[in-house]
Amino acid sequence: MKLTQSIFSAYYSAKNSVENFVKRQDGVTAIEYAIVAAGVAAVVVVLFQSDGEFAKAMKAIFKRLGDQLDTLLKPSSTGAGTGTGGTA
């Protein structure tokens, strides 16, 4: 009788463990996030390659912005618009 009880106890313990393992979603969610992160990382690497089209376009945009800022911030040679009014 005691042996039968131990067998049933072990059976139900194993059954509960397997059911709990199947019901838990933590591992599945972590794997899904890892797959998504790997996909995003691959897209970022492709987009930001040093000789890629996206990188060339970004460099061109920032070069144009820098040139425009240089033009705007360059001091004028006439002295007009400095706000000093020519008096000391």
C-alpha atoms as a PDB file:
ATOM      1  CA  MET A   1       0.000   0.000   0.000  1.00  0.00           C
ATOM      2  CA  LYS A   2       2.837   2.391   0.853  1.00  0.00           C
ATOM      3  CA  LEU A   3       4.563   1.685  -2.461  1.00  0.00           C
ATOM      4  CA  THR A   4       1.376   2.457  -4.384  1.00  0.00           C
ATOM      5  CA  GLN A   5       1.010   5.741  -2.508  1.00  0.00           C
ATOM      6  CA  SER A   6       4.581   6.727  -3.345  1.00  0.00           C
ATOM      7  CA  ILE A   7       4.069   5.901  -7.016  1.00  0.00           C
ATOM      8  CA  PHE A   8       0.855   7.969  -7.170  1.00  0.00           C
ATOM      9  CA  SER A   9       2.535  10.778  -5.267  1.00  0.00           C
ATOM     10  CA  ALA A  10       5.482  10.798  -7.678  1.00  0.00           C
ATOM     11  CA  TYR A  11       3.090  10.618 -10.642  1.00  0.00           C
ATOM     12  CA  TYR A  12       1.015  13.587  -9.466  1.00  0.00           C
ATOM     13  CA  SER A  13       4.119  15.561  -8.589  1.00  0.00           C
ATOM     14  CA  ALA A  14       5.587  14.989 -12.060  1.00  0.00           C
ATOM     15  CA  LYS A  15       2.228  15.726 -13.685  1.00  0.00           C
ATOM     16  CA  ASN A  16       1.900  19.019 -11.788  1.00  0.00           C
ATOM     17  CA  SER A  17       5.443  19.992 -12.684  1.00  0.00           C
ATOM     18  CA  VAL A  18       4.835  19.355 -16.385  1.00  0.00           C
ATOM     19  CA  GLU A  19       1.517  21.262 -16.285  1.00  0.00           C
ATOM     20  CA  ASN A  20       3.179  24.220 -14.581  1.00  0.00           C
ATOM     21  CA  PHE A  21       6.003  24.168 -17.117  1.00  0.00           C
ATOM     22  CA  VAL A  22       3.530  24.180 -20.020  1.00  0.00           C
ATOM     23  CA  LYS A  23       1.414  26.972 -18.485  1.00  0.00           C
ATOM     24  CA  ARG A  24       4.329  29.330 -17.774  1.00  0.00           C
ATOM     25  CA  GLN A  25       4.904  31.881 -20.506  1.00  0.00           C
ATOM     26  CA  ASP A  26       7.979  33.653 -19.105  1.00  0.00           C
ATOM     27  CA  GLY A  27      10.473  31.746 -21.216  1.00  0.00           C
ATOM     28  CA  VAL A  28       8.406  32.086 -24.371  1.00  0.00           C
ATOM     29  CA  THR A  29       8.111  35.843 -23.890  1.00  0.00           C
ATOM     30  CA  ALA A  30      11.843  36.183 -23.311  1.00  0.00           C
ATOM     31  CA  ILE A  31      12.579  34.242 -26.495  1.00  0.00           C
ATOM     32  CA  GLU A  32      10.150  36.422 -28.462  1.00  0.00           C
ATOM     33  CA  TYR A  33      11.837  39.585 -27.182  1.00  0.00           C
ATOM     34  CA  ALA A  34      15.249  38.172 -28.056  1.00  0.00           C
ATOM     35  CA  ILE A  35      14.110  37.437 -31.620  1.00  0.00           C
ATOM     36  CA  VAL A  36      12.670  40.944 -32.007  1.00  0.00           C
ATOM     37  CA  ALA A  37      15.854  42.513 -30.584  1.00  0.00           C
ATOM     38  CA  ALA A  38      18.005  40.508 -33.015  1.00  0.00           C
ATOM     39  CA  GLY A  39      15.840  41.678 -35.919  1.00  0.00           C
ATOM     40  CA  VAL A  40      16.064  45.315 -34.856  1.00  0.00           C
ATOM     41  CA  ALA A  41      19.837  45.009 -34.420  1.00  0.00           C
ATOM     42  CA  ALA A  42      20.177  43.564 -37.921  1.00  0.00           C
ATOM     43  CA  VAL A  43      18.155  46.425 -39.418  1.00  0.00           C
ATOM     44  CA  VAL A  44      20.232  49.011 -37.542  1.00  0.00           C
ATOM     45  CA  VAL A  45      23.485  47.444 -38.741  1.00  0.00           C
ATOM     46  CA  VAL A  46      22.283  47.413 -42.349  1.00  0.00           C
ATOM     47  CA  LEU A  47      21.035  51.010 -42.210  1.00  0.00           C
ATOM     48  CA  PHE A  48      24.096  52.491 -40.534  1.00  0.00           C
ATOM     49  CA  GLN A  49      26.852  50.824 -42.540  1.00  0.00           C
ATOM     50  CA  SER A  50      29.567  53.337 -43.304  1.00  0.00           C
ATOM     51  CA  ASP A  51      29.090  52.994 -47.065  1.00  0.00           C
ATOM     52  CA  GLY A  52      25.330  52.416 -47.090  1.00  0.00           C
ATOM     53  CA  GLU A  53      22.804  54.663 -48.806  1.00  0.00           C
ATOM     54  CA  PHE A  54      21.211  55.719 -45.526  1.00  0.00           C
ATOM     55  CA  ALA A  55      24.566  56.774 -44.085  1.00  0.00           C
ATOM     56  CA  LYS A  56      25.365  58.733 -47.261  1.00  0.00           C
ATOM     57  CA  ALA A  57      22.013  60.521 -47.106  1.00  0.00           C
ATOM     58  CA  MET A  58      22.486  61.386 -43.425  1.00  0.00           C
ATOM     59  CA  LYS A  59      25.993  62.726 -44.094  1.00  0.00           C
ATOM     60  CA  ALA A  60      24.663  64.872 -46.930  1.00  0.00           C
ATOM     61  CA  ILE A  61      21.872  66.264 -44.737  1.00  0.00           C
ATOM     62  CA  PHE A  62      24.236  67.140 -41.895  1.00  0.00           C
ATOM     63  CA  LYS A  63      26.770  68.651 -44.314  1.00  0.00           C
ATOM     64  CA  ARG A  64      24.058  70.864 -45.813  1.00  0.00           C
ATOM     65  CA  LEU A  65      22.866  71.901 -42.332  1.00  0.00           C
ATOM     66  CA  GLY A  66      26.433  72.662 -41.277  1.00  0.00           C
ATOM     67  CA  ASP A  67      27.014  74.777 -44.375  1.00  0.00           C
ATOM     68  CA  GLN A  68      23.807  76.710 -43.730  1.00  0.00           C
ATOM     69  CA  LEU A  69      24.793  77.293 -40.098  1.00  0.00           C
ATOM     70  CA  ASP A  70      28.241  78.487 -41.175  1.00  0.00           C
ATOM     71  CA  THR A  71      26.601  80.929 -43.574  1.00  0.00           C
ATOM     72  CA  LEU A  72      24.188  82.209 -40.923  1.00  0.00           C
ATOM     73  CA  LEU A  73      26.786  82.543 -38.183  1.00  0.00           C
ATOM     74  CA  LYS A  74      29.517  84.078 -40.346  1.00  0.00           C
ATOM     75  CA  PRO A  75      30.146  87.668 -39.164  1.00  0.00           C
ATOM     76  CA  SER A  76      29.170  90.221 -41.774  1.00  0.00           C
ATOM     77  CA  SER A  77      31.933  92.439 -43.164  1.00  0.00           C
ATOM     78  CA  THR A  78      29.796  95.644 -43.090  1.00  0.00           C
ATOM     79  CA  GLY A  79      29.187  95.539 -39.356  1.00  0.00           C
ATOM     80  CA  ALA A  80      25.468  96.103 -39.894  1.00  0.00           C
ATOM     81  CA  GLY A  81      23.130  94.310 -37.568  1.00  0.00           C
ATOM     82  CA  THR A  82      25.600  93.955 -34.730  1.00  0.00           C
ATOM     83  CA  GLY A  83      23.423  95.991 -32.394  1.00  0.00           C
ATOM     84  CA  THR A  84      26.251  98.223 -31.175  1.00  0.00           C
ATOM     85  CA  GLY A  85      25.140 101.289 -33.107  1.00  0.00           C
ATOM     86  CA  GLY A  86      28.764 102.320 -33.688  1.00  0.00           C
ATOM     87  CA  THR A  87      29.148 103.919 -30.248  1.00  0.00           C
ATOM     88  CA  ALA A  88      31.382 102.763 -27.482  1.00  0.00           C
END
